[in-house]
Amino acid sequence: MVDKNLNEADEQRRFRRVDFVDAVRVVSDDVEGNHVASWEAECIDISMRGMLLEVPEKFPLEIGMPFEVQLMLSEDVMIEMPCTLVHIEGKQAGFRAEMMSLDSLTNLRRLLELNLADQSEIERELGALIKETA
């Protein structure tokens, strides 16, 4: 039997996720009175609209809290994704991407192109992302 809720969630998801396991740095401007705090986490998957991370135990999990997730792709290529924490399930935390720099968006697009078979899907998702932010 097929889980109806799972199918509805898949239909609502307009942005394909790429399985991507790598270390990321999660940065917060002000946690418990500190000016800047950061944690290492594992990126489970990534899309144009956000990412799913496995976070450490002492991570401050508060829905709606802003963060910046930094993903190093190479020595000189980084994706810096301003995000909002939108859901938590055990040690996994879902982050919604906010406005990214053009460089980070270009790097993310290239990462997705290398990992998704359908190039037209990337163009469709990018168009949808631009419409959402306009």
C-alpha atoms as a PDB file:
ATOM      1  CA  MET A   1       0.000   0.000   0.000  1.00  0.00           C
ATOM      2  CA  VAL A   2       1.268   3.484  -0.900  1.00  0.00           C
ATOM      3  CA  ASP A   3       1.442   6.145   1.807  1.00  0.00           C
ATOM      4  CA  LYS A   4      -0.959   8.907   0.675  1.00  0.00           C
ATOM      5  CA  ASN A   5       0.835  11.584   2.732  1.00  0.00           C
ATOM      6  CA  LEU A   6       4.166  10.704   1.102  1.00  0.00           C
ATOM      7  CA  ASN A   7       2.681  11.062  -2.381  1.00  0.00           C
ATOM      8  CA  GLU A   8       1.104  14.419  -1.507  1.00  0.00           C
ATOM      9  CA  ALA A   9       4.436  15.675  -0.158  1.00  0.00           C
ATOM     10  CA  ASP A  10       6.205  14.562  -3.352  1.00  0.00           C
ATOM     11  CA  GLU A  11       3.587  16.328  -5.490  1.00  0.00           C
ATOM     12  CA  GLN A  12       3.989  19.545  -3.461  1.00  0.00           C
ATOM     13  CA  ARG A  13       7.795  19.514  -3.764  1.00  0.00           C
ATOM     14  CA  ARG A  14       8.684  21.535  -6.825  1.00  0.00           C
ATOM     15  CA  PHE A  15      12.438  21.451  -6.315  1.00  0.00           C
ATOM     16  CA  ARG A  16      14.375  18.206  -6.790  1.00  0.00           C
ATOM     17  CA  ARG A  17      16.723  17.309  -3.991  1.00  0.00           C
ATOM     18  CA  VAL A  18      20.173  15.884  -4.607  1.00  0.00           C
ATOM     19  CA  ASP A  19      21.529  13.351  -2.131  1.00  0.00           C
ATOM     20  CA  PHE A  20      24.717  14.976  -0.972  1.00  0.00           C
ATOM     21  CA  VAL A  21      26.648  13.900   2.097  1.00  0.00           C
ATOM     22  CA  ASP A  22      29.363  16.334   3.019  1.00  0.00           C
ATOM     23  CA  ALA A  23      30.365  18.496   5.936  1.00  0.00           C
ATOM     24  CA  VAL A  24      28.944  21.996   6.160  1.00  0.00           C
ATOM     25  CA  ARG A  25      29.395  24.846   8.611  1.00  0.00           C
ATOM     26  CA  VAL A  26      26.240  26.330  10.119  1.00  0.00           C
ATOM     27  CA  VAL A  27      26.665  29.889  11.389  1.00  0.00           C
ATOM     28  CA  SER A  28      24.359  31.939  13.601  1.00  0.00           C
ATOM     29  CA  ASP A  29      24.772  35.633  14.380  1.00  0.00           C
ATOM     30  CA  ASP A  30      23.551  35.567  17.963  1.00  0.00           C
ATOM     31  CA  VAL A  31      23.086  32.424  20.050  1.00  0.00           C
ATOM     32  CA  GLU A  32      22.869  32.705  23.840  1.00  0.00           C
ATOM     33  CA  GLY A  33      24.370  36.196  23.807  1.00  0.00           C
ATOM     34  CA  ASN A  34      27.388  35.285  21.655  1.00  0.00           C
ATOM     35  CA  HIS A  35      28.049  37.416  18.614  1.00  0.00           C
ATOM     36  CA  VAL A  36      28.849  34.531  16.253  1.00  0.00           C
ATOM     37  CA  ALA A  37      28.508  30.804  16.816  1.00  0.00           C
ATOM     38  CA  SER A  38      29.097  27.965  14.374  1.00  0.00           C
ATOM     39  CA  TRP A  39      28.706  24.193  14.222  1.00  0.00           C
ATOM     40  CA  GLU A  40      29.766  21.420  11.889  1.00  0.00           C
ATOM     41  CA  ALA A  41      26.904  19.408  10.390  1.00  0.00           C
ATOM     42  CA  GLU A  42      26.389  16.865   7.607  1.00  0.00           C
ATOM     43  CA  CYS A  43      24.434  17.820   4.491  1.00  0.00           C
ATOM     44  CA  ILE A  44      22.068  14.958   3.659  1.00  0.00           C
ATOM     45  CA  ASP A  45      20.461  16.550   0.608  1.00  0.00           C
ATOM     46  CA  ILE A  46      20.283  19.915  -1.099  1.00  0.00           C
ATOM     47  CA  SER A  47      17.978  21.735  -3.521  1.00  0.00           C
ATOM     48  CA  MET A  48      17.466  25.242  -4.883  1.00  0.00           C
ATOM     49  CA  ARG A  49      15.134  25.932  -1.947  1.00  0.00           C
ATOM     50  CA  GLY A  50      17.125  24.537   0.961  1.00  0.00           C
ATOM     51  CA  MET A  51      18.841  21.585   2.519  1.00  0.00           C
ATOM     52  CA  LEU A  52      18.419  18.800   5.034  1.00  0.00           C
ATOM     53  CA  LEU A  53      21.198  18.518   7.594  1.00  0.00           C
ATOM     54  CA  GLU A  54      22.145  16.086  10.317  1.00  0.00           C
ATOM     55  CA  VAL A  55      23.024  18.402  13.190  1.00  0.00           C
ATOM     56  CA  PRO A  56      25.035  17.815  16.391  1.00  0.00           C
ATOM     57  CA  GLU A  57      23.306  17.203  19.726  1.00  0.00           C
ATOM     58  CA  LYS A  58      24.004  20.657  21.198  1.00  0.00           C
ATOM     59  CA  PHE A  59      22.678  22.469  18.131  1.00  0.00           C
ATOM     60  CA  PRO A  60      20.116  25.213  19.042  1.00  0.00           C
ATOM     61  CA  LEU A  61      16.976  23.863  17.391  1.00  0.00           C
ATOM     62  CA  GLU A  62      14.407  26.644  17.288  1.00  0.00           C
ATOM     63  CA  ILE A  63      11.995  26.809  14.356  1.00  0.00           C
ATOM     64  CA  GLY A  64      12.234  30.137  12.549  1.00  0.00           C
ATOM     65  CA  MET A  65      15.807  30.826  13.644  1.00  0.00           C
ATOM     66  CA  PRO A  66      18.030  32.305  10.887  1.00  0.00           C
ATOM     67  CA  PHE A  67      21.355  30.697   9.979  1.00  0.00           C
ATOM     68  CA  GLU A  68      23.896  30.741   7.183  1.00  0.00           C
ATOM     69  CA  VAL A  69      24.992  27.354   5.873  1.00  0.00           C
ATOM     70  CA  GLN A  70      28.408  27.267   4.227  1.00  0.00           C
ATOM     71  CA  LEU A  71      29.222  24.355   1.934  1.00  0.00           C
ATOM     72  CA  MET A  72      32.797  24.166   0.602  1.00  0.00           C
ATOM     73  CA  LEU A  73      32.807  22.508  -2.822  1.00  0.00           C
ATOM     74  CA  SER A  74      36.509  23.047  -3.408  1.00  0.00           C
ATOM     75  CA  GLU A  75      39.316  25.213  -2.103  1.00  0.00           C
ATOM     76  CA  ASP A  76      37.965  28.279  -3.910  1.00  0.00           C
ATOM     77  CA  VAL A  77      34.268  27.412  -4.487  1.00  0.00           C
ATOM     78  CA  MET A  78      31.702  27.827  -1.714  1.00  0.00           C
ATOM     79  CA  ILE A  79      27.930  27.957  -1.442  1.00  0.00           C
ATOM     80  CA  GLU A  80      26.810  30.396   1.261  1.00  0.00           C
ATOM     81  CA  MET A  81      23.105  29.870   1.839  1.00  0.00           C
ATOM     82  CA  PRO A  82      21.238  32.165   4.246  1.00  0.00           C
ATOM     83  CA  CYS A  83      18.538  29.887   5.680  1.00  0.00           C
ATOM     84  CA  THR A  84      15.698  29.637   8.146  1.00  0.00           C
ATOM     85  CA  LEU A  85      15.211  26.498  10.242  1.00  0.00           C
ATOM     86  CA  VAL A  86      11.781  25.171   9.214  1.00  0.00           C
ATOM     87  CA  HIS A  87      11.485  21.645  10.620  1.00  0.00           C
ATOM     88  CA  ILE A  88      13.188  19.228  12.983  1.00  0.00           C
ATOM     89  CA  GLU A  89      12.947  15.444  13.065  1.00  0.00           C
ATOM     90  CA  GLY A  90      15.315  13.778  15.522  1.00  0.00           C
ATOM     91  CA  LYS A  91      18.860  14.873  14.597  1.00  0.00           C
ATOM     92  CA  GLN A  92      17.751  16.028  11.147  1.00  0.00           C
ATOM     93  CA  ALA A  93      16.924  19.670  10.544  1.00  0.00           C
ATOM     94  CA  GLY A  94      15.378  21.173   7.416  1.00  0.00           C
ATOM     95  CA  PHE A  95      16.484  24.624   6.311  1.00  0.00           C
ATOM     96  CA  ARG A  96      14.683  26.847   3.790  1.00  0.00           C
ATOM     97  CA  ALA A  97      17.003  28.942   1.626  1.00  0.00           C
ATOM     98  CA  GLU A  98      16.565  32.697   1.684  1.00  0.00           C
ATOM     99  CA  MET A  99      18.148  35.225  -0.702  1.00  0.00           C
ATOM    100  CA  MET A 100      21.530  33.904  -1.899  1.00  0.00           C
ATOM    101  CA  SER A 101      24.311  35.785  -3.615  1.00  0.00           C
ATOM    102  CA  LEU A 102      24.609  35.330  -7.363  1.00  0.00           C
ATOM    103  CA  ASP A 103      27.925  33.479  -6.883  1.00  0.00           C
ATOM    104  CA  SER A 104      26.387  31.012  -4.414  1.00  0.00           C
ATOM    105  CA  LEU A 105      23.323  30.493  -6.602  1.00  0.00           C
ATOM    106  CA  THR A 106      25.577  29.844  -9.612  1.00  0.00           C
ATOM    107  CA  ASN A 107      27.651  27.336  -7.615  1.00  0.00           C
ATOM    108  CA  LEU A 108      24.499  25.595  -6.372  1.00  0.00           C
ATOM    109  CA  ARG A 109      23.099  25.434  -9.885  1.00  0.00           C
ATOM    110  CA  ARG A 110      26.334  23.842 -11.141  1.00  0.00           C
ATOM    111  CA  LEU A 111      26.267  21.287  -8.295  1.00  0.00           C
ATOM    112  CA  LEU A 112      22.691  20.349  -9.179  1.00  0.00           C
ATOM    113  CA  GLU A 113      23.497  20.159 -12.907  1.00  0.00           C
ATOM    114  CA  LEU A 114      26.286  17.699 -12.189  1.00  0.00           C
ATOM    115  CA  ASN A 115      23.984  15.518 -10.077  1.00  0.00           C
ATOM    116  CA  LEU A 116      20.657  15.620 -11.929  1.00  0.00           C
ATOM    117  CA  ALA A 117      20.218  13.927 -15.285  1.00  0.00           C
ATOM    118  CA  ASP A 118      17.622  16.335 -16.692  1.00  0.00           C
ATOM    119  CA  GLN A 119      19.123  19.776 -17.469  1.00  0.00           C
ATOM    120  CA  SER A 120      15.684  21.179 -18.375  1.00  0.00           C
ATOM    121  CA  GLU A 121      14.561  20.426 -14.829  1.00  0.00           C
ATOM    122  CA  ILE A 122      17.265  22.745 -13.470  1.00  0.00           C
ATOM    123  CA  GLU A 123      16.052  25.521 -15.774  1.00  0.00           C
ATOM    124  CA  ARG A 124      12.432  24.975 -14.658  1.00  0.00           C
ATOM    125  CA  GLU A 125      13.414  25.065 -10.978  1.00  0.00           C
ATOM    126  CA  LEU A 126      15.530  28.183 -11.447  1.00  0.00           C
ATOM    127  CA  GLY A 127      12.608  29.874 -13.209  1.00  0.00           C
ATOM    128  CA  ALA A 128      10.265  28.916 -10.378  1.00  0.00           C
ATOM    129  CA  LEU A 129      12.767  30.210  -7.801  1.00  0.00           C
ATOM    130  CA  ILE A 130      13.062  33.551  -9.630  1.00  0.00           C
ATOM    131  CA  LYS A 131       9.242  33.878  -9.765  1.00  0.00           C
ATOM    132  CA  GLU A 132       9.009  33.193  -6.008  1.00  0.00           C
ATOM    133  CA  THR A 133      11.521  35.918  -5.168  1.00  0.00           C
ATOM    134  CA  ALA A 134      10.181  38.505  -7.628  1.00  0.00           C
END
